[in-house]
Protein backbone atom coordinates (compact mmCIF):
# COMPACT_ATOMS: atom_id res chain seq x y z
CA UNK A 1 -5.27 -46.66 22.72
CA UNK A 2 -2.18 -44.54 22.22
CA UNK A 3 -1.89 -45.52 18.56
CA UNK A 4 -5.54 -44.63 17.94
CA UNK A 5 -5.26 -41.15 19.43
CA UNK A 6 -1.92 -40.28 17.86
CA UNK A 7 -3.32 -39.12 14.43
CA UNK A 8 -5.64 -36.69 16.20
CA UNK A 9 -2.75 -35.34 18.24
CA UNK A 10 -0.66 -34.85 15.11
CA UNK A 11 -3.56 -33.11 13.40
CA UNK A 12 -3.99 -30.75 16.35
CA UNK A 13 -0.26 -30.06 16.42
CA UNK A 14 -0.30 -29.38 12.68
CA UNK A 15 -3.20 -26.96 13.02
CA UNK A 16 -1.47 -25.28 15.95
CA UNK A 17 1.75 -24.98 13.97
CA UNK A 18 -0.08 -23.40 11.03
CA UNK A 19 -1.84 -20.95 13.34
CA UNK A 20 1.42 -20.04 15.04
CA UNK A 21 3.05 -19.51 11.64
CA UNK A 22 0.25 -17.17 10.57
CA UNK A 23 0.42 -15.25 13.82
CA UNK A 24 4.19 -14.88 13.51
CA UNK A 25 3.80 -13.75 9.88
CA UNK A 26 1.47 -10.97 11.00
CA UNK A 27 3.90 -9.91 13.74
CA UNK A 28 7.02 -9.98 11.54
CA UNK A 29 5.72 -8.76 8.19
CA UNK A 30 2.29 -7.22 8.77
CA UNK A 31 0.88 -9.73 6.31
CA UNK A 32 -1.09 -12.94 6.19
CA UNK A 33 -2.18 -15.53 3.61
CA UNK A 34 -5.72 -16.95 3.55
CA UNK A 35 -7.21 -19.66 1.32
CA UNK A 36 -10.67 -18.89 -0.14
CA UNK A 37 -13.03 -20.51 -2.61
CA UNK A 38 -11.63 -18.43 -5.47
CA UNK A 39 -7.98 -18.89 -4.52
CA UNK A 40 -5.43 -17.79 -1.97
CA UNK A 41 -5.22 -14.13 -0.97
CA UNK A 42 -2.13 -12.54 0.52
CA UNK A 43 -2.91 -9.48 2.64
CA UNK A 44 -0.17 -6.89 3.06
CA UNK A 45 -0.49 -4.00 5.50
CA UNK A 46 1.39 -0.75 4.87
CA UNK A 47 1.18 1.17 8.12
CA UNK A 48 2.93 3.87 10.10
CA UNK A 49 6.02 5.38 8.51
CA UNK A 50 7.59 4.04 5.31
CA UNK A 51 11.14 3.40 6.44
CA UNK A 52 13.92 3.93 3.93
CA UNK A 53 17.70 3.93 4.17
CA UNK A 54 17.58 5.51 7.64
CA UNK A 55 15.95 3.76 10.58
CA UNK A 56 12.94 5.49 12.10
CA UNK A 57 12.92 6.67 15.70
CA UNK A 58 12.66 3.98 18.33
CA UNK A 59 9.05 3.10 19.07
CA UNK A 60 7.72 4.35 15.71
CA UNK A 61 5.41 2.08 13.71
CA UNK A 62 7.14 1.40 10.39
CA UNK A 63 6.87 -0.47 7.12
CA UNK A 64 10.35 -1.57 6.06
CA UNK A 65 10.98 -1.64 2.32
CA UNK A 66 13.65 -4.33 2.64
CA UNK A 67 10.91 -6.62 3.97
CA UNK A 68 8.21 -5.65 1.49
CA UNK A 69 10.20 -5.87 -1.77
CA UNK A 70 11.15 -9.57 -1.48
CA UNK A 71 7.69 -10.36 -0.13
CA UNK A 72 6.08 -8.86 -3.25
CA UNK A 73 8.43 -10.88 -5.44
CA UNK A 74 7.43 -14.04 -3.60
CA UNK A 75 3.72 -13.24 -4.00
CA UNK A 76 4.12 -12.63 -7.73
CA UNK A 77 6.07 -15.85 -8.34
CA UNK A 78 4.25 -18.14 -5.90
CA UNK A 79 2.02 -20.78 -7.41
CA UNK A 80 0.04 -20.82 -4.18
CA UNK A 81 -1.01 -17.14 -4.11
CA UNK A 82 -3.73 -15.88 -6.47
CA UNK A 83 -4.25 -12.27 -5.42
CA UNK A 84 -2.89 -9.43 -3.27
CA UNK A 85 -4.88 -7.13 -0.98
CA UNK A 86 -3.01 -4.05 0.26
CA UNK A 87 -4.36 -2.31 3.38
CA UNK A 88 -3.03 1.21 3.90
CA UNK A 89 -2.94 3.38 6.98
CA UNK A 90 0.31 5.28 6.55
CA UNK A 91 1.62 8.74 7.34
CA UNK A 92 4.10 8.53 4.45
CA UNK A 93 7.86 8.50 4.81
CA UNK A 94 10.89 7.88 2.62
CA UNK A 95 10.16 8.87 -0.99
CA UNK A 96 12.45 6.41 -2.75
CA UNK A 97 11.38 3.50 -0.55
CA UNK A 98 7.71 4.34 -1.09
CA UNK A 99 8.11 4.68 -4.84
CA UNK A 100 10.08 1.43 -4.98
CA UNK A 101 7.24 -0.45 -3.27
CA UNK A 102 4.65 1.31 -5.46
CA UNK A 103 6.50 0.39 -8.67
CA UNK A 104 6.73 -3.23 -7.52
CA UNK A 105 2.96 -3.38 -6.95
CA UNK A 106 2.20 -1.63 -10.24
CA UNK A 107 4.40 -4.11 -12.11
CA UNK A 108 2.62 -7.23 -10.84
CA UNK A 109 0.61 -9.47 -13.15
CA UNK A 110 -1.45 -11.08 -10.40
CA UNK A 111 -4.66 -9.31 -9.31
CA UNK A 112 -4.02 -6.49 -6.84
CA UNK A 113 -6.49 -4.32 -4.92
CA UNK A 114 -5.71 -1.57 -2.40
CA UNK A 115 -7.85 -0.16 0.41
CA UNK A 116 -7.10 3.15 2.16
CA UNK A 117 -8.38 2.95 5.73
CA UNK A 118 -7.30 5.63 8.22
CA UNK A 119 -5.02 7.45 5.82
CA UNK A 120 -2.81 7.17 2.77
CA UNK A 121 -0.78 10.34 3.25
CA UNK A 122 2.21 11.77 1.38
CA UNK A 123 4.12 8.93 -0.34
CA UNK A 124 1.18 6.76 0.65
CA UNK A 125 -0.71 8.30 -2.28
CA UNK A 126 1.40 6.51 -4.96
CA UNK A 127 1.14 3.32 -2.88
CA UNK A 128 -2.66 3.59 -2.86
CA UNK A 129 -2.98 4.02 -6.63
CA UNK A 130 -0.37 1.38 -7.51
CA UNK A 131 -2.85 -1.52 -7.36
CA UNK A 132 -4.97 -2.49 -10.36
CA UNK A 133 -8.05 -1.19 -8.51
CA UNK A 134 -8.15 1.07 -5.45
CA UNK A 135 -10.72 1.68 -2.72
CA UNK A 136 -11.04 4.20 0.11
CA UNK A 137 -13.41 4.21 3.07
CA UNK A 138 -15.60 7.32 3.47
CA UNK A 139 -13.54 8.51 6.47
CA UNK A 140 -10.19 7.80 4.81
CA UNK A 141 -7.86 10.76 4.29
CA UNK A 142 -5.04 11.49 1.85
CA UNK A 143 -2.56 14.36 2.21
CA UNK A 144 -0.94 15.65 -0.99
CA UNK A 145 1.94 18.10 -0.53
CA UNK A 146 5.25 19.16 -2.11
CA UNK A 147 8.43 17.19 -1.50
CA UNK A 148 10.16 17.78 1.84
CA UNK A 149 13.71 16.82 2.81
CA UNK A 150 15.21 16.45 6.28
CA UNK A 151 18.71 17.51 7.25
CA UNK A 152 21.02 19.98 5.55
CA UNK A 153 19.51 21.74 2.52
CA UNK A 154 21.76 23.95 0.39
CA UNK A 155 19.86 27.03 -0.80
CA UNK A 156 20.95 27.01 -4.44
CA UNK A 157 19.05 26.63 -7.71
CA UNK A 158 20.29 23.05 -8.16
CA UNK A 159 18.54 22.03 -4.94
CA UNK A 160 15.19 23.40 -6.09
CA UNK A 161 15.64 21.76 -9.48
CA UNK A 162 16.23 18.47 -7.65
CA UNK A 163 12.99 18.98 -5.70
CA UNK A 164 11.12 19.57 -8.95
CA UNK A 165 12.50 16.38 -10.50
CA UNK A 166 11.41 14.32 -7.48
CA UNK A 167 7.94 15.86 -7.64
CA UNK A 168 7.79 15.07 -11.36
CA UNK A 169 8.51 11.40 -10.57
CA UNK A 170 5.66 11.31 -8.07
CA UNK A 171 3.23 13.16 -10.36
CA UNK A 172 4.11 10.91 -13.30
CA UNK A 173 3.50 7.76 -11.27
CA UNK A 174 0.21 8.93 -9.76
CA UNK A 175 -1.27 10.18 -13.04
CA UNK A 176 -0.09 7.03 -14.85
CA UNK A 177 -1.81 4.77 -12.34
CA UNK A 178 -5.03 6.70 -11.66
CA UNK A 179 -7.61 8.80 -13.50
CA UNK A 180 -6.63 12.17 -12.01
CA UNK A 181 -5.14 14.72 -14.41
CA UNK A 182 -1.66 16.09 -13.85
CA UNK A 183 -3.02 19.63 -13.59
CA UNK A 184 -5.50 18.63 -10.88
CA UNK A 185 -2.90 16.67 -8.91
CA UNK A 186 -0.32 19.46 -9.05
CA UNK A 187 -3.03 21.94 -8.04
CA UNK A 188 -3.72 19.87 -4.91
CA UNK A 189 -0.01 19.54 -4.20
CA UNK A 190 0.69 23.28 -4.41
CA UNK A 191 -2.52 24.55 -2.81
CA UNK A 192 -1.84 27.39 -0.34
CA UNK A 193 -5.36 27.81 1.02
CA UNK A 194 -6.03 24.41 2.59
CA UNK A 195 -3.61 23.99 5.51
CA UNK A 196 -2.80 26.79 7.93
CA UNK A 197 0.91 26.04 8.34
CA UNK A 198 1.71 24.12 5.17
CA UNK A 199 1.27 23.88 1.41
CA UNK A 200 -0.88 21.12 -0.02
CA UNK A 201 -4.31 19.53 0.39
CA UNK A 202 -6.10 16.95 2.49
CA UNK A 203 -8.85 15.06 0.67
CA UNK A 204 -11.28 12.48 1.99
CA UNK A 205 -13.07 9.42 0.65
CA UNK A 206 -15.73 10.78 -1.71
CA UNK A 207 -13.55 13.62 -2.97
CA UNK A 208 -10.67 11.24 -3.73
CA UNK A 209 -13.02 9.18 -5.91
CA UNK A 210 -14.62 12.22 -7.55
CA UNK A 211 -11.18 13.56 -8.51
CA UNK A 212 -10.22 10.22 -10.04
CA UNK A 213 -7.37 9.62 -7.62
CA UNK A 214 -9.04 6.50 -6.15
CA UNK A 215 -11.30 4.20 -8.16
CA UNK A 216 -14.05 3.33 -5.66
CA UNK A 217 -15.60 4.31 -2.35
CA UNK A 218 -16.01 1.23 -0.18
CA UNK A 219 -14.85 -0.92 2.68
CA UNK A 220 -13.20 -4.28 3.22
CA UNK A 221 -15.99 -6.41 1.76
CA UNK A 222 -16.10 -4.25 -1.38
CA UNK A 223 -12.34 -4.54 -1.87
CA UNK A 224 -12.45 -8.31 -1.33
CA UNK A 225 -15.36 -8.73 -3.76
CA UNK A 226 -13.36 -6.84 -6.37
CA UNK A 227 -10.28 -8.95 -5.74
CA UNK A 228 -12.28 -12.18 -6.02
CA UNK A 229 -13.70 -11.04 -9.38
CA UNK A 230 -10.23 -10.22 -10.64
CA UNK A 231 -8.84 -13.56 -9.46
CA UNK A 232 -11.60 -15.46 -11.29
CA UNK A 233 -11.00 -13.44 -14.46
CA UNK A 234 -7.22 -13.95 -14.18
CA UNK A 235 -7.66 -17.72 -13.98
CA UNK A 236 -10.02 -17.77 -16.96
CA UNK A 237 -7.74 -15.62 -19.16
């Protein structure tokens, strides 16, 4: 009797171990891997604050670049992963960390699709457009504003020139990876009539698509359908 029931016990333990591994992966990395009929999809969430060289305040929701960069490398090189879905609900954060993640995504060969849910603000904008195709839900929001720095700022011309060079890097990346023109993007970034106590613009789902910043208006099923099509095409190429 014991020998007959043992395979079932091992199978249950194996399924439980796989489930526990997936649950732990979500907790540790904000990501999960799911097998589908068209291949295996890795889902990466970019949420809260993009944490850079400095740790965020205790209790803050963060996406840590030192976790995401090696994960993206593993997804690109893995023979078991066929596509990447990026879910964004981020307030922005460290510029260099955000651009580093965005450049990694933009440099991938495997199919990539992004979906802006609650918001893709600030440095979240380059992250949203980094995928091969991008989606935004109708209620999704994106804040575009000039570069800000925390801490001591020296009020000399070199400092402002440095700000301009950082903004050029962001503008170059966004316009290279979307259909929005540089003039339109800079106009949104430097708009003085949108926010009462700040410079910049907040745009929502339909407007982001109309401006060419995001490719499509849609939800999770639309983004997944697109990713499945890209995975099939990638395999056939």
